[in-house]
Amino acid sequence: MTGIKAVFFDMDGVLIDTEKYYHICWRQALEEAGFQPTTEQVLCLRSCSRPYGIPLLHSFFGEGCDYDQIRKRRKELMAPMLEKEGIQMKPGADQAVRMLRERGYQTVVVTASDLERTTKYLGEVGMLDAFDHLVCASMVETGKPAPDIYRYALRVSGFQPEEVIALEDSDNGIRSAAGADLKTIFVPDLSGPNEESAARILYLAKDLPDAVRFICADEQ
């Protein structure tokens, strides 16, 4: 795309196939605590940092819903599941990132995960060296859907918003990137964009390779 110099990638659900485990474990943790979440309610927790997650759960289940305890239980459930199943790359992710780098784009991970987990997961799928920067929620005061993390990624990478396109698989991620004035592409994983996201995105991709083909289309 004309003027685009860097691509910012969300990690979970875009580069690696982990969102399904978050979904399963958030649901189980909530059910163990006595709540009956809907699929849509669980999906709303994707890329949702603590300052947003607490009022969100209270709006769904009342103030007796303890976000911290439920999140702790979610992590307890998820750890052995990932240990058993292993981290899997999303189909075509390595080729898609390689294609961008071969064409001179900088590639940056902008994730709601912390640096330790980001490094571990990308290392397991052999993609740790495929990015110029790793930007994690723990590096800013407020994570997604606030725009802080994308604004920080711009400062770290040295690009202006008009020089970057962000790839996200969740409405909270799109909200975060758009809040930092970035062009966005929605790469569906567990669901497509809601009405608000659909109005904000530049393109609704079929998958990650399709998103990268869209970015590189005018170079053909």
N, C-alpha and C. Protein backbone atom coordinates (compact mmCIF):
# COMPACT_ATOMS: atom_id res chain seq x y z
N MET A 1 0.84 -1.20 0.00
CA MET A 1 0.00 0.00 0.00
C MET A 1 0.87 1.24 0.00
N THR A 2 0.48 2.22 -0.75
CA THR A 2 1.25 3.45 -0.88
C THR A 2 1.41 4.15 0.47
N GLY A 3 2.63 4.46 0.83
CA GLY A 3 2.91 5.18 2.07
C GLY A 3 3.08 4.32 3.29
N ILE A 4 2.73 3.04 3.21
CA ILE A 4 2.86 2.15 4.36
C ILE A 4 4.28 1.62 4.44
N LYS A 5 4.90 1.78 5.61
CA LYS A 5 6.28 1.34 5.82
C LYS A 5 6.40 0.24 6.87
N ALA A 6 5.35 0.04 7.68
CA ALA A 6 5.42 -0.96 8.75
C ALA A 6 4.05 -1.60 8.96
N VAL A 7 4.08 -2.84 9.40
CA VAL A 7 2.86 -3.57 9.73
C VAL A 7 2.96 -3.98 11.19
N PHE A 8 1.94 -3.62 11.97
CA PHE A 8 1.87 -3.97 13.38
C PHE A 8 0.92 -5.16 13.54
N PHE A 9 1.40 -6.22 14.15
CA PHE A 9 0.64 -7.46 14.31
C PHE A 9 0.19 -7.66 15.75
N ASP A 10 -1.08 -7.89 15.96
CA ASP A 10 -1.50 -8.53 17.20
C ASP A 10 -0.93 -9.95 17.18
N MET A 11 -0.75 -10.56 18.35
CA MET A 11 -0.16 -11.89 18.38
C MET A 11 -1.22 -13.01 18.49
N ASP A 12 -1.92 -13.05 19.62
CA ASP A 12 -2.88 -14.13 19.85
C ASP A 12 -4.05 -14.02 18.88
N GLY A 13 -4.25 -15.05 18.09
CA GLY A 13 -5.35 -15.06 17.13
C GLY A 13 -4.98 -14.57 15.75
N VAL A 14 -3.85 -13.85 15.64
CA VAL A 14 -3.38 -13.39 14.33
C VAL A 14 -2.15 -14.17 13.90
N LEU A 15 -1.14 -14.22 14.77
CA LEU A 15 0.08 -14.95 14.47
C LEU A 15 0.07 -16.38 15.03
N ILE A 16 -0.50 -16.55 16.22
CA ILE A 16 -0.52 -17.87 16.84
C ILE A 16 -1.95 -18.24 17.23
N ASP A 17 -2.21 -19.55 17.25
CA ASP A 17 -3.57 -20.06 17.42
C ASP A 17 -3.86 -20.34 18.90
N THR A 18 -3.93 -19.27 19.69
CA THR A 18 -4.13 -19.42 21.13
C THR A 18 -5.46 -18.88 21.63
N GLU A 19 -6.15 -18.07 20.84
CA GLU A 19 -7.38 -17.47 21.33
C GLU A 19 -8.43 -18.52 21.72
N LYS A 20 -8.42 -19.66 21.03
CA LYS A 20 -9.40 -20.70 21.36
C LYS A 20 -9.21 -21.21 22.78
N TYR A 21 -7.96 -21.23 23.26
CA TYR A 21 -7.70 -21.68 24.63
C TYR A 21 -8.14 -20.64 25.64
N TYR A 22 -7.89 -19.36 25.33
CA TYR A 22 -8.39 -18.30 26.21
C TYR A 22 -9.91 -18.40 26.34
N HIS A 23 -10.57 -18.64 25.22
CA HIS A 23 -12.03 -18.70 25.21
C HIS A 23 -12.53 -19.85 26.11
N ILE A 24 -11.97 -21.02 25.92
CA ILE A 24 -12.36 -22.19 26.71
C ILE A 24 -12.13 -21.94 28.20
N CYS A 25 -10.98 -21.38 28.53
CA CYS A 25 -10.59 -21.26 29.93
C CYS A 25 -11.28 -20.09 30.64
N TRP A 26 -11.52 -18.99 29.94
CA TRP A 26 -12.33 -17.93 30.53
C TRP A 26 -13.73 -18.45 30.85
N ARG A 27 -14.31 -19.18 29.91
CA ARG A 27 -15.65 -19.71 30.13
C ARG A 27 -15.68 -20.64 31.34
N GLN A 28 -14.72 -21.57 31.40
CA GLN A 28 -14.71 -22.53 32.51
C GLN A 28 -14.48 -21.83 33.84
N ALA A 29 -13.57 -20.85 33.87
CA ALA A 29 -13.30 -20.13 35.11
C ALA A 29 -14.54 -19.38 35.60
N LEU A 30 -15.26 -18.78 34.67
CA LEU A 30 -16.49 -18.08 35.03
C LEU A 30 -17.56 -19.05 35.52
N GLU A 31 -17.68 -20.18 34.84
CA GLU A 31 -18.68 -21.17 35.25
C GLU A 31 -18.35 -21.75 36.62
N GLU A 32 -17.09 -21.99 36.89
CA GLU A 32 -16.68 -22.49 38.21
C GLU A 32 -17.03 -21.50 39.31
N ALA A 33 -17.02 -20.21 38.96
CA ALA A 33 -17.35 -19.17 39.93
C ALA A 33 -18.86 -18.96 40.06
N GLY A 34 -19.64 -19.73 39.31
CA GLY A 34 -21.09 -19.68 39.45
C GLY A 34 -21.81 -18.83 38.43
N PHE A 35 -21.10 -18.42 37.37
CA PHE A 35 -21.72 -17.59 36.34
C PHE A 35 -21.94 -18.40 35.06
N GLN A 36 -22.85 -17.93 34.23
CA GLN A 36 -23.17 -18.61 32.97
C GLN A 36 -22.94 -17.65 31.80
N PRO A 37 -21.71 -17.52 31.37
CA PRO A 37 -21.41 -16.56 30.30
C PRO A 37 -21.91 -17.04 28.94
N THR A 38 -22.31 -16.09 28.12
CA THR A 38 -22.63 -16.41 26.74
C THR A 38 -21.34 -16.38 25.92
N THR A 39 -21.42 -16.94 24.73
CA THR A 39 -20.26 -16.89 23.84
C THR A 39 -19.83 -15.46 23.56
N GLU A 40 -20.78 -14.58 23.33
CA GLU A 40 -20.48 -13.18 23.03
C GLU A 40 -19.79 -12.51 24.21
N GLN A 41 -20.22 -12.80 25.42
CA GLN A 41 -19.59 -12.21 26.60
C GLN A 41 -18.14 -12.65 26.73
N VAL A 42 -17.87 -13.91 26.47
CA VAL A 42 -16.50 -14.40 26.55
C VAL A 42 -15.65 -13.77 25.45
N LEU A 43 -16.19 -13.62 24.26
CA LEU A 43 -15.46 -13.00 23.17
C LEU A 43 -15.08 -11.55 23.49
N CYS A 44 -15.89 -10.89 24.27
CA CYS A 44 -15.61 -9.50 24.64
C CYS A 44 -14.36 -9.36 25.49
N LEU A 45 -13.88 -10.47 26.07
CA LEU A 45 -12.70 -10.42 26.92
C LEU A 45 -11.40 -10.48 26.14
N ARG A 46 -11.48 -10.74 24.84
CA ARG A 46 -10.25 -10.76 24.03
C ARG A 46 -9.58 -9.40 24.02
N SER A 47 -8.26 -9.40 24.25
CA SER A 47 -7.48 -8.15 24.24
C SER A 47 -8.13 -7.09 25.11
N CYS A 48 -8.58 -7.49 26.27
CA CYS A 48 -9.25 -6.57 27.19
C CYS A 48 -8.42 -6.49 28.47
N SER A 49 -7.77 -5.36 28.70
CA SER A 49 -6.91 -5.20 29.86
C SER A 49 -7.73 -5.04 31.15
N ARG A 50 -7.05 -5.20 32.26
CA ARG A 50 -7.71 -5.20 33.56
C ARG A 50 -8.61 -3.98 33.81
N PRO A 51 -8.15 -2.74 33.53
CA PRO A 51 -9.02 -1.58 33.79
C PRO A 51 -10.35 -1.63 33.05
N TYR A 52 -10.37 -2.32 31.92
CA TYR A 52 -11.60 -2.48 31.15
C TYR A 52 -12.32 -3.77 31.52
N GLY A 53 -11.53 -4.82 31.85
CA GLY A 53 -12.11 -6.12 32.15
C GLY A 53 -12.95 -6.12 33.41
N ILE A 54 -12.52 -5.40 34.44
CA ILE A 54 -13.27 -5.38 35.70
C ILE A 54 -14.68 -4.81 35.50
N PRO A 55 -14.83 -3.59 34.96
CA PRO A 55 -16.20 -3.09 34.76
C PRO A 55 -16.99 -3.90 33.75
N LEU A 56 -16.29 -4.52 32.79
CA LEU A 56 -17.00 -5.33 31.81
C LEU A 56 -17.66 -6.53 32.49
N LEU A 57 -16.89 -7.26 33.32
CA LEU A 57 -17.47 -8.41 34.02
C LEU A 57 -18.55 -7.97 34.99
N HIS A 58 -18.37 -6.82 35.64
CA HIS A 58 -19.41 -6.33 36.54
C HIS A 58 -20.70 -6.01 35.78
N SER A 59 -20.55 -5.48 34.56
CA SER A 59 -21.74 -5.17 33.76
C SER A 59 -22.46 -6.44 33.33
N PHE A 60 -21.71 -7.52 33.15
CA PHE A 60 -22.33 -8.79 32.75
C PHE A 60 -22.93 -9.55 33.93
N PHE A 61 -22.19 -9.60 35.04
CA PHE A 61 -22.54 -10.54 36.12
C PHE A 61 -22.70 -9.90 37.50
N GLY A 62 -22.57 -8.59 37.59
CA GLY A 62 -22.71 -7.92 38.87
C GLY A 62 -21.36 -7.72 39.55
N GLU A 63 -21.35 -6.88 40.57
CA GLU A 63 -20.10 -6.51 41.23
C GLU A 63 -19.51 -7.64 42.06
N GLY A 64 -20.27 -8.70 42.27
CA GLY A 64 -19.74 -9.87 42.98
C GLY A 64 -18.83 -10.72 42.12
N CYS A 65 -18.70 -10.41 40.85
CA CYS A 65 -17.82 -11.14 39.94
C CYS A 65 -16.40 -10.62 40.10
N ASP A 66 -15.53 -11.44 40.68
CA ASP A 66 -14.17 -11.04 41.02
C ASP A 66 -13.24 -11.29 39.82
N TYR A 67 -12.94 -10.22 39.09
CA TYR A 67 -12.11 -10.34 37.89
C TYR A 67 -10.77 -10.99 38.19
N ASP A 68 -10.09 -10.54 39.23
CA ASP A 68 -8.74 -11.03 39.52
C ASP A 68 -8.72 -12.52 39.84
N GLN A 69 -9.67 -12.97 40.62
CA GLN A 69 -9.73 -14.39 40.96
C GLN A 69 -10.08 -15.24 39.75
N ILE A 70 -11.00 -14.77 38.95
CA ILE A 70 -11.40 -15.52 37.76
C ILE A 70 -10.27 -15.55 36.75
N ARG A 71 -9.56 -14.45 36.58
CA ARG A 71 -8.42 -14.42 35.67
C ARG A 71 -7.32 -15.36 36.17
N LYS A 72 -7.09 -15.37 37.46
CA LYS A 72 -6.09 -16.28 38.03
C LYS A 72 -6.45 -17.73 37.72
N ARG A 73 -7.73 -18.06 37.89
CA ARG A 73 -8.18 -19.42 37.60
C ARG A 73 -8.08 -19.73 36.11
N ARG A 74 -8.38 -18.73 35.27
CA ARG A 74 -8.23 -18.94 33.82
C ARG A 74 -6.80 -19.30 33.47
N LYS A 75 -5.85 -18.62 34.07
CA LYS A 75 -4.44 -18.89 33.81
C LYS A 75 -4.06 -20.28 34.30
N GLU A 76 -4.60 -20.70 35.45
CA GLU A 76 -4.33 -22.04 35.98
C GLU A 76 -4.85 -23.12 35.04
N LEU A 77 -5.99 -22.88 34.46
CA LEU A 77 -6.58 -23.84 33.53
C LEU A 77 -5.83 -23.89 32.20
N MET A 78 -5.36 -22.75 31.77
CA MET A 78 -4.77 -22.65 30.43
C MET A 78 -3.35 -23.18 30.37
N ALA A 79 -2.59 -23.02 31.44
CA ALA A 79 -1.18 -23.42 31.42
C ALA A 79 -0.97 -24.89 31.05
N PRO A 80 -1.63 -25.85 31.72
CA PRO A 80 -1.42 -27.25 31.34
C PRO A 80 -1.98 -27.58 29.96
N MET A 81 -3.01 -26.87 29.54
CA MET A 81 -3.58 -27.09 28.22
C MET A 81 -2.56 -26.73 27.14
N LEU A 82 -1.90 -25.59 27.30
CA LEU A 82 -0.89 -25.17 26.33
C LEU A 82 0.35 -26.06 26.41
N GLU A 83 0.67 -26.52 27.62
CA GLU A 83 1.81 -27.42 27.77
C GLU A 83 1.58 -28.72 27.01
N LYS A 84 0.35 -29.20 27.05
CA LYS A 84 0.01 -30.44 26.36
C LYS A 84 -0.11 -30.25 24.86
N GLU A 85 -0.81 -29.21 24.44
CA GLU A 85 -1.10 -29.01 23.03
C GLU A 85 0.04 -28.32 22.28
N GLY A 86 0.79 -27.47 23.00
CA GLY A 86 1.84 -26.69 22.35
C GLY A 86 1.28 -25.47 21.63
N ILE A 87 2.14 -24.53 21.32
CA ILE A 87 1.74 -23.32 20.60
C ILE A 87 1.82 -23.59 19.10
N GLN A 88 0.73 -23.30 18.42
CA GLN A 88 0.67 -23.51 16.98
C GLN A 88 0.59 -22.17 16.25
N MET A 89 1.32 -22.06 15.17
CA MET A 89 1.27 -20.89 14.32
C MET A 89 -0.05 -20.86 13.55
N LYS A 90 -0.60 -19.68 13.32
CA LYS A 90 -1.76 -19.57 12.45
C LYS A 90 -1.33 -19.91 11.02
N PRO A 91 -2.21 -20.55 10.25
CA PRO A 91 -1.84 -20.97 8.90
C PRO A 91 -1.29 -19.82 8.06
N GLY A 92 -0.11 -20.06 7.48
CA GLY A 92 0.50 -19.09 6.58
C GLY A 92 1.17 -17.91 7.25
N ALA A 93 1.25 -17.91 8.59
CA ALA A 93 1.79 -16.74 9.29
C ALA A 93 3.25 -16.50 8.95
N ASP A 94 4.06 -17.55 8.93
CA ASP A 94 5.48 -17.36 8.67
C ASP A 94 5.72 -16.84 7.25
N GLN A 95 5.01 -17.40 6.27
CA GLN A 95 5.17 -16.93 4.89
C GLN A 95 4.68 -15.50 4.73
N ALA A 96 3.60 -15.15 5.43
CA ALA A 96 3.04 -13.80 5.33
C ALA A 96 4.02 -12.77 5.87
N VAL A 97 4.60 -13.05 7.03
CA VAL A 97 5.56 -12.11 7.62
C VAL A 97 6.81 -12.02 6.75
N ARG A 98 7.25 -13.16 6.24
CA ARG A 98 8.44 -13.17 5.38
C ARG A 98 8.21 -12.34 4.12
N MET A 99 7.01 -12.44 3.55
CA MET A 99 6.68 -11.69 2.35
C MET A 99 6.79 -10.18 2.60
N LEU A 100 6.29 -9.75 3.74
CA LEU A 100 6.37 -8.33 4.08
C LEU A 100 7.81 -7.87 4.25
N ARG A 101 8.59 -8.67 4.95
CA ARG A 101 9.98 -8.28 5.20
C ARG A 101 10.79 -8.26 3.91
N GLU A 102 10.52 -9.19 3.02
CA GLU A 102 11.23 -9.21 1.74
C GLU A 102 10.93 -7.98 0.91
N ARG A 103 9.76 -7.39 1.15
CA ARG A 103 9.37 -6.19 0.41
C ARG A 103 9.74 -4.90 1.15
N GLY A 104 10.46 -5.04 2.25
CA GLY A 104 10.99 -3.88 2.93
C GLY A 104 10.15 -3.29 4.04
N TYR A 105 9.04 -3.93 4.39
CA TYR A 105 8.23 -3.44 5.50
C TYR A 105 8.88 -3.84 6.83
N GLN A 106 8.81 -2.94 7.81
CA GLN A 106 9.15 -3.34 9.17
C GLN A 106 7.96 -4.07 9.77
N THR A 107 8.24 -5.03 10.61
CA THR A 107 7.18 -5.82 11.25
C THR A 107 7.33 -5.70 12.75
N VAL A 108 6.21 -5.43 13.42
CA VAL A 108 6.21 -5.16 14.86
C VAL A 108 5.05 -5.93 15.49
N VAL A 109 5.31 -6.61 16.60
CA VAL A 109 4.25 -7.26 17.36
C VAL A 109 3.73 -6.28 18.41
N VAL A 110 2.41 -6.12 18.48
CA VAL A 110 1.77 -5.25 19.46
C VAL A 110 0.69 -6.09 20.15
N THR A 111 1.01 -6.60 21.35
CA THR A 111 0.19 -7.63 21.95
C THR A 111 -0.27 -7.33 23.37
N ALA A 112 -1.41 -7.88 23.73
CA ALA A 112 -1.93 -7.77 25.08
C ALA A 112 -1.20 -8.69 26.05
N SER A 113 -0.36 -9.58 25.54
CA SER A 113 0.44 -10.46 26.39
C SER A 113 1.65 -9.72 26.94
N ASP A 114 2.25 -10.26 28.02
CA ASP A 114 3.46 -9.65 28.56
C ASP A 114 4.68 -10.12 27.76
N LEU A 115 5.83 -9.51 28.03
CA LEU A 115 7.02 -9.78 27.24
C LEU A 115 7.51 -11.22 27.41
N GLU A 116 7.46 -11.74 28.62
CA GLU A 116 7.92 -13.11 28.85
C GLU A 116 7.11 -14.11 28.04
N ARG A 117 5.79 -13.97 28.08
CA ARG A 117 4.93 -14.89 27.33
C ARG A 117 5.07 -14.69 25.82
N THR A 118 5.18 -13.43 25.40
CA THR A 118 5.34 -13.14 23.98
C THR A 118 6.61 -13.78 23.44
N THR A 119 7.70 -13.61 24.16
CA THR A 119 8.98 -14.18 23.74
C THR A 119 8.90 -15.70 23.70
N LYS A 120 8.28 -16.29 24.71
CA LYS A 120 8.16 -17.75 24.79
C LYS A 120 7.33 -18.29 23.63
N TYR A 121 6.18 -17.70 23.40
CA TYR A 121 5.26 -18.21 22.38
C TYR A 121 5.85 -18.06 20.97
N LEU A 122 6.40 -16.88 20.67
CA LEU A 122 6.98 -16.68 19.34
C LEU A 122 8.21 -17.55 19.15
N GLY A 123 8.95 -17.78 20.23
CA GLY A 123 10.10 -18.67 20.15
C GLY A 123 9.69 -20.09 19.84
N GLU A 124 8.59 -20.53 20.42
CA GLU A 124 8.12 -21.90 20.20
C GLU A 124 7.72 -22.16 18.76
N VAL A 125 7.24 -21.14 18.08
CA VAL A 125 6.82 -21.32 16.68
C VAL A 125 7.90 -20.84 15.70
N GLY A 126 9.07 -20.48 16.22
CA GLY A 126 10.18 -20.09 15.36
C GLY A 126 10.04 -18.74 14.71
N MET A 127 9.29 -17.83 15.34
CA MET A 127 9.07 -16.51 14.73
C MET A 127 9.67 -15.37 15.53
N LEU A 128 10.43 -15.67 16.54
CA LEU A 128 10.93 -14.63 17.43
C LEU A 128 11.81 -13.61 16.70
N ASP A 129 12.57 -14.07 15.71
CA ASP A 129 13.48 -13.18 15.00
C ASP A 129 12.84 -12.52 13.77
N ALA A 130 11.53 -12.70 13.61
CA ALA A 130 10.87 -12.19 12.42
C ALA A 130 10.33 -10.77 12.60
N PHE A 131 10.60 -10.16 13.76
CA PHE A 131 10.02 -8.85 14.05
C PHE A 131 11.08 -7.87 14.51
N ASP A 132 10.89 -6.61 14.11
CA ASP A 132 11.83 -5.56 14.47
C ASP A 132 11.66 -5.12 15.93
N HIS A 133 10.42 -5.20 16.43
CA HIS A 133 10.14 -4.82 17.81
C HIS A 133 9.03 -5.70 18.37
N LEU A 134 9.09 -5.94 19.67
CA LEU A 134 8.00 -6.59 20.41
C LEU A 134 7.47 -5.57 21.40
N VAL A 135 6.22 -5.19 21.26
CA VAL A 135 5.60 -4.21 22.15
C VAL A 135 4.47 -4.91 22.89
N CYS A 136 4.54 -4.87 24.23
CA CYS A 136 3.63 -5.66 25.06
C CYS A 136 2.84 -4.77 26.03
N ALA A 137 1.71 -5.29 26.47
CA ALA A 137 0.83 -4.52 27.35
C ALA A 137 1.52 -4.08 28.63
N SER A 138 2.47 -4.87 29.11
CA SER A 138 3.17 -4.55 30.34
C SER A 138 4.07 -3.32 30.21
N MET A 139 4.25 -2.84 28.99
CA MET A 139 5.12 -1.68 28.74
C MET A 139 4.36 -0.36 28.81
N VAL A 140 3.04 -0.42 28.96
CA VAL A 140 2.23 0.81 29.02
C VAL A 140 1.32 0.75 30.24
N GLU A 141 0.79 1.89 30.61
CA GLU A 141 -0.06 1.95 31.80
C GLU A 141 -1.38 1.23 31.59
N THR A 142 -1.97 1.40 30.42
CA THR A 142 -3.28 0.80 30.13
C THR A 142 -3.22 0.06 28.81
N GLY A 143 -3.59 -1.24 28.83
CA GLY A 143 -3.56 -2.05 27.63
C GLY A 143 -4.78 -1.85 26.75
N LYS A 144 -4.90 -2.69 25.74
CA LYS A 144 -6.05 -2.64 24.85
C LYS A 144 -7.34 -2.82 25.65
N PRO A 145 -8.43 -2.16 25.26
CA PRO A 145 -8.67 -1.40 24.02
C PRO A 145 -8.23 0.06 24.04
N ALA A 146 -7.54 0.49 25.10
CA ALA A 146 -6.98 1.84 25.08
C ALA A 146 -5.93 1.94 23.96
N PRO A 147 -5.69 3.11 23.42
CA PRO A 147 -4.74 3.25 22.31
C PRO A 147 -3.28 3.34 22.75
N ASP A 148 -3.04 3.32 24.07
CA ASP A 148 -1.69 3.56 24.60
C ASP A 148 -0.63 2.66 23.96
N ILE A 149 -0.94 1.38 23.84
CA ILE A 149 0.07 0.43 23.37
C ILE A 149 0.45 0.69 21.91
N TYR A 150 -0.50 1.10 21.09
CA TYR A 150 -0.18 1.43 19.70
C TYR A 150 0.57 2.75 19.60
N ARG A 151 0.23 3.70 20.45
CA ARG A 151 0.99 4.95 20.46
C ARG A 151 2.43 4.69 20.89
N TYR A 152 2.60 3.82 21.86
CA TYR A 152 3.95 3.46 22.31
C TYR A 152 4.71 2.74 21.19
N ALA A 153 4.03 1.86 20.48
CA ALA A 153 4.67 1.14 19.37
C ALA A 153 5.13 2.11 18.29
N LEU A 154 4.36 3.16 18.04
CA LEU A 154 4.77 4.17 17.08
C LEU A 154 6.04 4.88 17.54
N ARG A 155 6.11 5.21 18.82
CA ARG A 155 7.30 5.88 19.34
C ARG A 155 8.53 4.96 19.25
N VAL A 156 8.35 3.71 19.62
CA VAL A 156 9.47 2.76 19.61
C VAL A 156 9.99 2.53 18.20
N SER A 157 9.07 2.41 17.26
CA SER A 157 9.47 2.09 15.88
C SER A 157 9.84 3.31 15.06
N GLY A 158 9.41 4.48 15.52
CA GLY A 158 9.77 5.72 14.83
C GLY A 158 8.89 6.07 13.65
N PHE A 159 7.72 5.44 13.54
CA PHE A 159 6.82 5.72 12.42
C PHE A 159 5.69 6.65 12.82
N GLN A 160 5.11 7.31 11.82
CA GLN A 160 3.91 8.10 11.99
C GLN A 160 2.69 7.21 11.73
N PRO A 161 1.53 7.54 12.29
CA PRO A 161 0.34 6.70 12.11
C PRO A 161 0.02 6.39 10.64
N GLU A 162 0.20 7.38 9.77
CA GLU A 162 -0.15 7.17 8.36
C GLU A 162 0.81 6.21 7.64
N GLU A 163 1.92 5.84 8.30
CA GLU A 163 2.89 4.93 7.70
C GLU A 163 2.71 3.49 8.15
N VAL A 164 1.68 3.25 8.95
CA VAL A 164 1.50 1.94 9.59
C VAL A 164 0.12 1.38 9.32
N ILE A 165 0.04 0.06 9.21
CA ILE A 165 -1.24 -0.63 9.18
C ILE A 165 -1.22 -1.71 10.26
N ALA A 166 -2.32 -1.85 10.98
CA ALA A 166 -2.40 -2.80 12.09
C ALA A 166 -3.31 -3.96 11.72
N LEU A 167 -2.91 -5.16 12.10
CA LEU A 167 -3.70 -6.37 11.87
C LEU A 167 -4.21 -6.89 13.21
N GLU A 168 -5.52 -7.00 13.34
CA GLU A 168 -6.16 -7.41 14.58
C GLU A 168 -7.28 -8.42 14.32
N ASP A 169 -7.54 -9.25 15.34
CA ASP A 169 -8.61 -10.26 15.21
C ASP A 169 -9.76 -10.01 16.17
N SER A 170 -9.73 -8.92 16.94
CA SER A 170 -10.78 -8.66 17.92
C SER A 170 -11.25 -7.21 17.84
N ASP A 171 -12.45 -6.99 18.33
CA ASP A 171 -12.99 -5.63 18.34
C ASP A 171 -12.19 -4.73 19.28
N ASN A 172 -11.74 -5.27 20.42
CA ASN A 172 -10.93 -4.48 21.34
C ASN A 172 -9.61 -4.07 20.70
N GLY A 173 -9.03 -4.97 19.91
CA GLY A 173 -7.79 -4.64 19.21
C GLY A 173 -7.98 -3.56 18.17
N ILE A 174 -9.06 -3.66 17.40
CA ILE A 174 -9.37 -2.64 16.40
C ILE A 174 -9.60 -1.29 17.07
N ARG A 175 -10.32 -1.30 18.17
CA ARG A 175 -10.58 -0.06 18.92
C ARG A 175 -9.27 0.58 19.38
N SER A 176 -8.34 -0.24 19.83
CA SER A 176 -7.05 0.26 20.30
C SER A 176 -6.25 0.88 19.16
N ALA A 177 -6.13 0.15 18.05
CA ALA A 177 -5.34 0.64 16.91
C ALA A 177 -5.98 1.87 16.28
N ALA A 178 -7.28 1.84 16.09
CA ALA A 178 -7.98 2.98 15.48
C ALA A 178 -7.89 4.21 16.38
N GLY A 179 -7.85 3.97 17.70
CA GLY A 179 -7.72 5.08 18.64
C GLY A 179 -6.38 5.78 18.53
N ALA A 180 -5.39 5.08 18.00
CA ALA A 180 -4.07 5.66 17.75
C ALA A 180 -3.94 6.16 16.31
N ASP A 181 -5.08 6.23 15.61
CA ASP A 181 -5.15 6.77 14.24
C ASP A 181 -4.48 5.88 13.20
N LEU A 182 -4.44 4.57 13.46
CA LEU A 182 -3.84 3.65 12.50
C LEU A 182 -4.90 3.08 11.56
N LYS A 183 -4.51 2.83 10.33
CA LYS A 183 -5.33 2.05 9.42
C LYS A 183 -5.35 0.62 9.96
N THR A 184 -6.48 -0.06 9.83
CA THR A 184 -6.60 -1.39 10.41
C THR A 184 -7.18 -2.40 9.43
N ILE A 185 -6.74 -3.63 9.58
CA ILE A 185 -7.32 -4.77 8.86
C ILE A 185 -7.79 -5.77 9.89
N PHE A 186 -9.00 -6.25 9.75
CA PHE A 186 -9.54 -7.27 10.65
C PHE A 186 -9.24 -8.64 10.05
N VAL A 187 -8.55 -9.47 10.83
CA VAL A 187 -8.20 -10.83 10.42
C VAL A 187 -9.00 -11.77 11.31
N PRO A 188 -10.13 -12.32 10.86
CA PRO A 188 -11.01 -13.09 11.73
C PRO A 188 -10.35 -14.34 12.29
N ASP A 189 -10.64 -14.60 13.55
CA ASP A 189 -10.21 -15.83 14.21
C ASP A 189 -11.44 -16.52 14.79
N LEU A 190 -11.89 -16.11 15.96
CA LEU A 190 -13.08 -16.72 16.57
C LEU A 190 -14.37 -16.05 16.12
N SER A 191 -14.26 -14.84 15.60
CA SER A 191 -15.47 -14.13 15.15
C SER A 191 -15.06 -13.02 14.20
N GLY A 192 -16.04 -12.46 13.53
CA GLY A 192 -15.81 -11.32 12.67
C GLY A 192 -15.98 -10.03 13.44
N PRO A 193 -15.87 -8.90 12.77
CA PRO A 193 -15.99 -7.60 13.44
C PRO A 193 -17.42 -7.26 13.81
N ASN A 194 -17.57 -6.53 14.92
CA ASN A 194 -18.89 -6.01 15.24
C ASN A 194 -19.17 -4.78 14.38
N GLU A 195 -20.31 -4.16 14.58
CA GLU A 195 -20.71 -3.03 13.72
C GLU A 195 -19.73 -1.86 13.85
N GLU A 196 -19.29 -1.59 15.06
CA GLU A 196 -18.35 -0.48 15.28
C GLU A 196 -17.02 -0.75 14.57
N SER A 197 -16.50 -1.97 14.71
CA SER A 197 -15.23 -2.31 14.07
C SER A 197 -15.36 -2.28 12.55
N ALA A 198 -16.47 -2.81 12.05
CA ALA A 198 -16.67 -2.86 10.60
C ALA A 198 -16.63 -1.47 9.98
N ALA A 199 -17.08 -0.47 10.74
CA ALA A 199 -17.07 0.91 10.23
C ALA A 199 -15.68 1.52 10.28
N ARG A 200 -14.79 0.92 11.07
CA ARG A 200 -13.46 1.50 11.27
C ARG A 200 -12.39 0.87 10.38
N ILE A 201 -12.58 -0.38 9.99
CA ILE A 201 -11.50 -1.10 9.32
C ILE A 201 -11.37 -0.71 7.86
N LEU A 202 -10.16 -0.88 7.36
CA LEU A 202 -9.87 -0.64 5.96
C LEU A 202 -10.26 -1.85 5.12
N TYR A 203 -10.11 -3.04 5.72
CA TYR A 203 -10.33 -4.27 4.96
C TYR A 203 -10.65 -5.41 5.92
N LEU A 204 -11.60 -6.25 5.54
CA LEU A 204 -11.91 -7.48 6.27
C LEU A 204 -11.28 -8.63 5.51
N ALA A 205 -10.19 -9.16 6.05
CA ALA A 205 -9.44 -10.22 5.37
C ALA A 205 -10.06 -11.58 5.60
N LYS A 206 -9.77 -12.51 4.70
CA LYS A 206 -10.19 -13.90 4.90
C LYS A 206 -9.29 -14.56 5.94
N ASP A 207 -8.01 -14.24 5.89
CA ASP A 207 -7.03 -14.80 6.80
C ASP A 207 -5.78 -13.92 6.73
N LEU A 208 -4.72 -14.32 7.44
CA LEU A 208 -3.52 -13.50 7.46
C LEU A 208 -2.85 -13.38 6.09
N PRO A 209 -2.67 -14.47 5.34
CA PRO A 209 -2.09 -14.31 4.00
C PRO A 209 -2.90 -13.36 3.11
N ASP A 210 -4.23 -13.40 3.23
CA ASP A 210 -5.07 -12.49 2.44
C ASP A 210 -4.82 -11.04 2.85
N ALA A 211 -4.66 -10.80 4.14
CA ALA A 211 -4.37 -9.45 4.62
C ALA A 211 -3.06 -8.93 4.04
N VAL A 212 -2.04 -9.78 4.01
CA VAL A 212 -0.74 -9.38 3.49
C VAL A 212 -0.80 -9.16 1.98
N ARG A 213 -1.54 -9.99 1.28
CA ARG A 213 -1.71 -9.77 -0.16
C ARG A 213 -2.38 -8.43 -0.43
N PHE A 214 -3.33 -8.06 0.41
CA PHE A 214 -4.01 -6.77 0.26
C PHE A 214 -3.03 -5.62 0.45
N ILE A 215 -2.16 -5.74 1.45
CA ILE A 215 -1.16 -4.71 1.72
C ILE A 215 -0.20 -4.55 0.56
N CYS A 216 0.19 -5.67 -0.03
CA CYS A 216 1.21 -5.66 -1.09
C CYS A 216 0.62 -5.54 -2.49
N ALA A 217 -0.69 -5.40 -2.60
CA ALA A 217 -1.35 -5.51 -3.91
C ALA A 217 -0.84 -4.52 -4.93
N ASP A 218 -0.59 -3.28 -4.52
CA ASP A 218 -0.21 -2.27 -5.51
C ASP A 218 1.26 -2.38 -5.92
N GLU A 219 1.96 -3.41 -5.40
CA GLU A 219 3.36 -3.63 -5.81
C GLU A 219 3.46 -4.66 -6.93
N GLN A 220 2.32 -5.30 -7.23
CA GLN A 220 2.35 -6.39 -8.21
C GLN A 220 2.53 -5.82 -9.62
